[in-house]
Every structure is written in structure tokens, then in C-alpha cells.
Amino acid sequence: MVTLSPAAELVRRHDPDRFLTALFAPPERREALFVLYAFNNELARARAVASEPMLGLIRLQWWREVVEGTARRHEVATPLAAELHAGRLPRAALLAMIAGREAEADPSIPTLAAWLAYLDATAGALAEAAGFALAGPDAPAERLHALGVAYGVAGQLRNVAALARQGRCLLPEEVLAAHGTSIHAITAGRDEVPLRAAIAALAMEGQARLRAAGGRLPRAVLAAALPAVLARRDLRHPGQTSPRGLGDRLAVLAAAVLGRV
């Protein structure tokens, strides 16, 4: 049996999509991806586990200090510092990811432009950093960034119901209003038909990025792009929350063999 590092085990439990796709990375680069994805999970948890927004911001500041060089003993912070020191992860992208997560402390995301900026700084920057971890500055950053945003769009739409149960909604208010619903209605479990219309409109943003950035990619960075395969499947039926199945795994495998997303 293969023994996973603490970071890899954390990703396996909390981010199974990216755990699956990271397995297609070259073995010598795989751990850098696991550490990066574990770091992303810690940022996502900053607001989710906080009882109030300010506590989430404090957690994000803790991670900002780690990325900037403060030494801390922690199952993710310690290997993250090692990967940064070795030059295998891009410090600027990680800082952008932290800044992007600050939007989650706000009561709402007001506009489509603000929502896309949030996804640019989180899922987009994460995919870009993953490409750097695999191929350094030679990675096709813009294409990976766009594919990462597509996965971020799909993930946001998959998580609407789960966030609503927590009394939260991260969809842009202006798009919800344009389709006759609101954050309050969603968190109260009302207005399913208008919500489906808003989700369909937002899915088009992810689909546009898949069309622009999909296709064949250098094999060296393919593992960083493979989450977009799952995004493509999700965006065909946006908002559905069906568990991942064999079809999803086979789609990722086929994309890895063919070198196309």
C-alpha cells in the first residue's frame, strides 16, 4: 500500500477531484501539487469554519504570513514553506489566492464582474500555480488560468445548495436579480425555477472559458488542466450535485491518455 503524505491525505479527503487529477502528474512533481491543493483547502476552510467573517480574515492573514516567509509548524504550512523555498510554487499566485478569498468575508458578491474577479483570483490562480509546479515559467499560464476559472464556475454552481444550508450564497446579486431571485430567497430554499435560470446563465461563463482554452496541452502540465474535464461534464448539467462516478473517472483518464481537455 502506498503511504500518502499528510498533505496528500488531506486532499484525498477534502478535494477528491484534484486528488484524482494530481495522480497524473509526474511522480517527482506530484507532491508539490498535493501541497498546493492542501493549501487551497485551508484557504477555503478559513471562512467555512469561522463563526464570523472577521475570524475568517484572521485565518487568511495567518496564511499570508506563511507565504511571505513566517515559519510555522503545521501539516500544510511546513511543506508549503519548503516548496516555496525550493522555487516549485509561485509566491505571487499564492498571495493572489489569499486576497481572492477575502471576498468570502463580505455579505455578498454584488456583480458578475466581481464574481469573475473572485474566481480569477482563486480557481484561476490555483490552476496557474499548479502549472508552475509542474513546468515552471514555461507553463501556458493563460490557458491554465482560464481552465481553472471554468472549474471554479462549475464548482460554485455545484455548491449552491450546500452553501445555502449554511446561510451563505456566493452567486452574484445582479445575476440573481436579473432572473427574479435573491440571496435571501436562495438561503431560505425558495425560488427554485429562477435559481435554475441564474445558474444556467452563469454556466455560460465557464463554458466560454472551456471553448477558449480547451484542446491539446503540453503533457508536462496536463495534470494541472485535468480538473477542467470534470468542469466540462458538470457544466452540461449545471447545478446538479450528483456524486462523482465511473464516467467522471473514465473521462479524466481518457483526457490524460489523449492529452486533451
Protein backbone atom coordinates (compact mmCIF):
# COMPACT_ATOMS: atom_id res chain seq x y z
CA MET A 1 0.00 0.00 0.00
CA VAL A 2 1.24 3.48 -0.89
CA THR A 3 1.59 5.79 2.11
CA LEU A 4 0.32 9.29 1.44
CA SER A 5 1.88 12.40 2.90
CA PRO A 6 -0.31 14.41 5.29
CA ALA A 7 -0.94 16.96 2.55
CA ALA A 8 -1.93 14.29 0.03
CA GLU A 9 -4.23 12.61 2.54
CA LEU A 10 -5.90 15.94 3.26
CA VAL A 11 -6.51 16.49 -0.48
CA ARG A 12 -7.81 12.94 -0.88
CA ARG A 13 -10.40 13.55 1.84
CA HIS A 14 -11.45 17.10 1.05
CA ASP A 15 -10.71 17.70 -2.65
CA PRO A 16 -11.15 14.34 -4.40
CA ASP A 17 -11.40 15.92 -7.86
CA ARG A 18 -7.96 17.45 -7.65
CA PHE A 19 -6.56 14.42 -5.85
CA LEU A 20 -7.59 12.27 -8.82
CA THR A 21 -6.11 14.65 -11.39
CA ALA A 22 -2.86 15.11 -9.45
CA LEU A 23 -2.21 11.39 -9.77
CA PHE A 24 -1.48 12.01 -13.46
CA ALA A 25 1.39 14.38 -12.63
CA PRO A 26 4.98 13.15 -12.96
CA PRO A 27 5.87 11.43 -9.66
CA GLU A 28 8.66 13.88 -8.89
CA ARG A 29 6.23 16.83 -9.19
CA ARG A 30 3.17 15.27 -7.61
CA GLU A 31 3.85 16.25 -4.01
CA ALA A 32 4.12 19.92 -4.93
CA LEU A 33 0.59 19.67 -6.35
CA PHE A 34 -0.69 17.96 -3.23
CA VAL A 35 0.80 20.69 -1.04
CA LEU A 36 -0.68 23.40 -3.27
CA TYR A 37 -4.13 21.81 -3.22
CA ALA A 38 -3.95 21.28 0.54
CA PHE A 39 -3.10 24.98 0.91
CA ASN A 40 -6.12 25.84 -1.23
CA ASN A 41 -8.30 23.70 1.01
CA GLU A 42 -7.05 25.59 4.06
CA LEU A 43 -7.99 28.88 2.41
CA ALA A 44 -11.45 27.55 1.54
CA ARG A 45 -11.93 26.47 5.17
CA ALA A 46 -10.93 29.89 6.52
CA ARG A 47 -14.45 31.29 6.14
CA ALA A 48 -16.32 27.99 6.25
CA VAL A 49 -15.21 27.12 9.78
CA ALA A 50 -15.27 30.66 11.16
CA SER A 51 -18.23 31.71 13.28
CA GLU A 52 -17.98 35.24 11.90
CA PRO A 53 -16.31 36.87 8.86
CA MET A 54 -13.56 38.65 10.82
CA LEU A 55 -12.27 35.33 12.14
CA GLY A 56 -12.03 34.09 8.58
CA LEU A 57 -9.95 37.12 7.64
CA ILE A 58 -7.65 36.44 10.59
CA ARG A 59 -7.09 32.89 9.33
CA LEU A 60 -6.31 34.24 5.86
CA GLN A 61 -3.79 36.66 7.34
CA TRP A 62 -2.11 33.73 9.13
CA TRP A 63 -1.65 32.04 5.75
CA ARG A 64 -0.46 35.26 4.13
CA GLU A 65 2.32 35.45 6.72
CA VAL A 66 3.27 31.83 5.99
CA VAL A 67 3.53 32.53 2.26
CA GLU A 68 5.56 35.67 2.96
CA GLY A 69 8.06 33.63 4.96
CA THR A 70 6.93 33.31 8.57
CA ALA A 71 7.95 29.86 9.84
CA ARG A 72 5.13 27.87 11.42
CA ARG A 73 4.82 24.21 12.34
CA HIS A 74 1.70 22.87 10.68
CA GLU A 75 0.89 19.86 8.50
CA VAL A 76 0.35 22.11 5.47
CA ALA A 77 2.31 25.27 6.33
CA THR A 78 5.58 23.39 6.87
CA PRO A 79 5.69 21.59 3.48
CA LEU A 80 4.30 24.71 1.80
CA ALA A 81 7.25 26.72 3.07
CA ALA A 82 9.61 24.03 1.77
CA GLU A 83 8.03 24.08 -1.71
CA LEU A 84 8.20 27.87 -1.81
CA HIS A 85 11.83 27.85 -0.70
CA ALA A 86 12.66 25.32 -3.42
CA GLY A 87 11.02 27.55 -6.03
CA ARG A 88 8.42 24.95 -7.00
CA LEU A 89 5.44 27.17 -6.19
CA PRO A 90 4.86 30.81 -7.26
CA ARG A 91 4.58 33.07 -4.23
CA ALA A 92 2.67 35.79 -6.12
CA ALA A 93 -0.07 33.38 -7.23
CA LEU A 94 -0.49 32.08 -3.69
CA LEU A 95 -0.82 35.61 -2.34
CA ALA A 96 -3.42 36.32 -5.02
CA MET A 97 -5.37 33.26 -3.89
CA ILE A 98 -5.42 34.56 -0.32
CA ALA A 99 -6.55 38.02 -1.42
CA GLY A 100 -9.27 36.47 -3.56
CA ARG A 101 -10.67 34.53 -0.62
CA GLU A 102 -11.27 37.78 1.26
CA ALA A 103 -14.39 38.26 -0.88
CA GLU A 104 -15.95 35.36 1.04
CA ALA A 105 -16.00 37.51 4.17
CA ASP A 106 -18.34 40.02 2.51
CA PRO A 107 -22.12 39.61 2.88
CA SER A 108 -22.47 39.10 -0.86
CA ILE A 109 -20.78 39.41 -4.25
CA PRO A 110 -22.64 42.26 -5.98
CA THR A 111 -21.85 41.96 -9.68
CA LEU A 112 -20.92 39.41 -12.33
CA ALA A 113 -17.62 41.23 -12.82
CA ALA A 114 -16.82 40.94 -9.10
CA TRP A 115 -17.74 37.24 -9.15
CA LEU A 116 -15.46 36.56 -12.10
CA ALA A 117 -12.67 38.53 -10.42
CA TYR A 118 -13.13 36.33 -7.34
CA LEU A 119 -12.85 33.19 -9.48
CA ASP A 120 -9.84 34.63 -11.33
CA ALA A 121 -8.03 35.11 -8.02
CA THR A 122 -8.99 31.75 -6.56
CA ALA A 123 -9.60 28.89 -9.00
CA GLY A 124 -7.80 30.63 -11.86
CA ALA A 125 -4.70 31.45 -9.85
CA LEU A 126 -4.71 27.94 -8.38
CA ALA A 127 -4.62 26.30 -11.82
CA GLU A 128 -1.89 28.69 -12.88
CA ALA A 129 0.14 27.83 -9.78
CA ALA A 130 -0.39 24.12 -10.48
CA GLY A 131 1.04 24.61 -13.95
CA PHE A 132 4.06 26.35 -12.46
CA ALA A 133 4.53 23.47 -10.03
CA LEU A 134 4.70 21.10 -13.00
CA ALA A 135 6.62 23.08 -15.60
CA GLY A 136 7.88 26.28 -14.01
CA PRO A 137 7.63 29.51 -16.02
CA ASP A 138 7.23 27.53 -19.26
CA ALA A 139 3.68 26.52 -18.34
CA PRO A 140 0.91 28.04 -20.54
CA ALA A 141 -0.34 30.25 -17.73
CA GLU A 142 -3.19 32.00 -19.53
CA ARG A 143 -4.80 28.78 -20.78
CA LEU A 144 -4.46 27.07 -17.42
CA HIS A 145 -5.89 30.12 -15.70
CA ALA A 146 -8.95 30.08 -17.96
CA LEU A 147 -9.46 26.36 -17.42
CA GLY A 148 -9.17 26.91 -13.69
CA VAL A 149 -11.86 29.59 -13.80
CA ALA A 150 -14.12 27.17 -15.71
CA TYR A 151 -13.65 24.61 -12.95
CA GLY A 152 -14.31 27.34 -10.38
CA VAL A 153 -17.58 28.28 -12.09
CA ALA A 154 -18.69 24.65 -12.15
CA GLY A 155 -17.72 24.20 -8.51
CA GLN A 156 -19.62 27.27 -7.42
CA LEU A 157 -22.74 26.01 -9.16
CA ARG A 158 -22.39 22.52 -7.65
CA ASN A 159 -22.10 24.04 -4.17
CA VAL A 160 -25.10 26.37 -4.19
CA ALA A 161 -27.30 24.06 -2.13
CA ALA A 162 -24.55 23.18 0.35
CA LEU A 163 -23.74 26.85 0.96
CA ALA A 164 -27.42 27.73 1.22
CA ARG A 165 -27.76 25.26 4.10
CA GLN A 166 -25.06 27.29 5.86
CA GLY A 167 -26.98 30.51 5.20
CA ARG A 168 -24.49 31.61 2.54
CA CYS A 169 -24.59 32.32 -1.19
CA LEU A 170 -21.64 33.37 -3.35
CA LEU A 171 -23.50 33.90 -6.62
CA PRO A 172 -23.53 37.49 -7.97
CA GLU A 173 -26.51 39.51 -6.81
CA GLU A 174 -27.05 41.26 -10.13
CA VAL A 175 -27.44 37.96 -11.99
CA LEU A 176 -29.82 36.61 -9.36
CA ALA A 177 -31.89 39.78 -9.55
CA ALA A 178 -31.99 39.63 -13.35
CA HIS A 179 -33.64 36.21 -13.06
CA GLY A 180 -36.08 37.19 -10.34
CA THR A 181 -34.46 35.80 -7.23
CA SER A 182 -32.15 36.88 -4.41
CA ILE A 183 -29.62 35.63 -1.89
CA HIS A 184 -32.30 35.64 0.83
CA ALA A 185 -34.63 33.52 -1.29
CA ILE A 186 -31.87 31.01 -2.06
CA THR A 187 -30.74 30.63 1.54
CA ALA A 188 -34.39 30.22 2.54
CA GLY A 189 -34.79 27.43 -0.02
CA ARG A 190 -37.27 29.29 -2.24
CA ASP A 191 -37.42 30.28 -5.93
CA GLU A 192 -36.02 27.08 -7.46
CA VAL A 193 -37.06 27.97 -11.03
CA PRO A 194 -35.45 31.45 -11.05
CA LEU A 195 -32.35 29.96 -9.40
CA ARG A 196 -32.03 27.35 -12.15
CA ALA A 197 -32.22 30.14 -14.74
CA ALA A 198 -29.49 32.13 -12.97
CA ILE A 199 -27.30 29.03 -12.71
CA ALA A 200 -27.73 28.34 -16.43
CA ALA A 201 -26.67 31.90 -17.25
CA LEU A 202 -23.59 31.65 -15.04
CA ALA A 203 -22.66 28.27 -16.52
CA MET A 204 -22.18 30.02 -19.86
CA GLU A 205 -19.21 31.89 -18.35
CA GLY A 206 -17.49 28.59 -17.60
CA GLN A 207 -18.37 27.12 -20.98
CA ALA A 208 -16.90 30.15 -22.75
CA ARG A 209 -13.58 29.65 -20.99
CA LEU A 210 -13.53 25.96 -21.85
CA ARG A 211 -14.05 26.78 -25.52
CA ALA A 212 -11.29 29.38 -25.47
CA ALA A 213 -8.67 27.34 -23.59
CA GLY A 214 -9.50 23.68 -24.17
CA GLY A 215 -7.80 21.30 -26.57
CA ARG A 216 -4.34 19.76 -26.57
CA LEU A 217 -1.87 20.85 -23.91
CA PRO A 218 1.79 20.04 -23.21
CA ARG A 219 1.95 16.75 -21.34
CA ALA A 220 4.11 18.34 -18.68
CA VAL A 221 1.20 20.45 -17.43
CA LEU A 222 -1.71 18.16 -18.23
CA ALA A 223 -2.42 17.26 -14.60
CA ALA A 224 -3.00 20.95 -13.84
CA ALA A 225 -5.62 21.14 -16.59
CA LEU A 226 -7.48 17.88 -15.95
CA PRO A 227 -9.98 19.37 -13.45
CA ALA A 228 -11.44 21.16 -16.47
CA VAL A 229 -12.55 17.75 -17.79
CA LEU A 230 -14.84 17.46 -14.77
CA ALA A 231 -15.94 21.07 -15.23
CA ARG A 232 -16.96 20.32 -18.81
CA ARG A 233 -19.14 17.44 -17.60
CA ASP A 234 -20.64 19.49 -14.76
CA LEU A 235 -21.46 22.46 -16.97
CA ARG A 236 -23.56 20.31 -19.28
CA HIS A 237 -26.00 19.99 -16.37
CA PRO A 238 -25.13 23.00 -14.20
CA GLY A 239 -26.12 22.97 -10.58
CA GLN A 240 -26.51 19.22 -10.28
CA THR A 241 -24.82 17.68 -7.26
CA SER A 242 -24.64 14.02 -8.22
CA PRO A 243 -21.66 12.21 -6.67
CA ARG A 244 -18.69 11.57 -8.93
CA GLY A 245 -18.90 8.22 -10.64
CA LEU A 246 -17.12 5.91 -13.03
CA GLY A 247 -17.97 8.09 -16.02
CA ASP A 248 -16.14 11.04 -14.45
CA ARG A 249 -13.05 8.97 -13.72
CA LEU A 250 -13.02 7.48 -17.21
CA ALA A 251 -13.35 10.96 -18.74
CA VAL A 252 -10.30 12.13 -16.80
CA LEU A 253 -8.37 9.02 -17.81
CA ALA A 254 -9.26 9.47 -21.49
CA ALA A 255 -8.19 13.12 -21.40
CA ALA A 256 -4.90 12.15 -19.77
CA VAL A 257 -4.23 9.50 -22.45
CA LEU A 258 -5.18 11.78 -25.35
CA GLY A 259 -3.55 14.89 -23.88
CA ARG A 260 -6.68 16.99 -24.46
CA VAL A 261 -9.14 18.73 -22.16
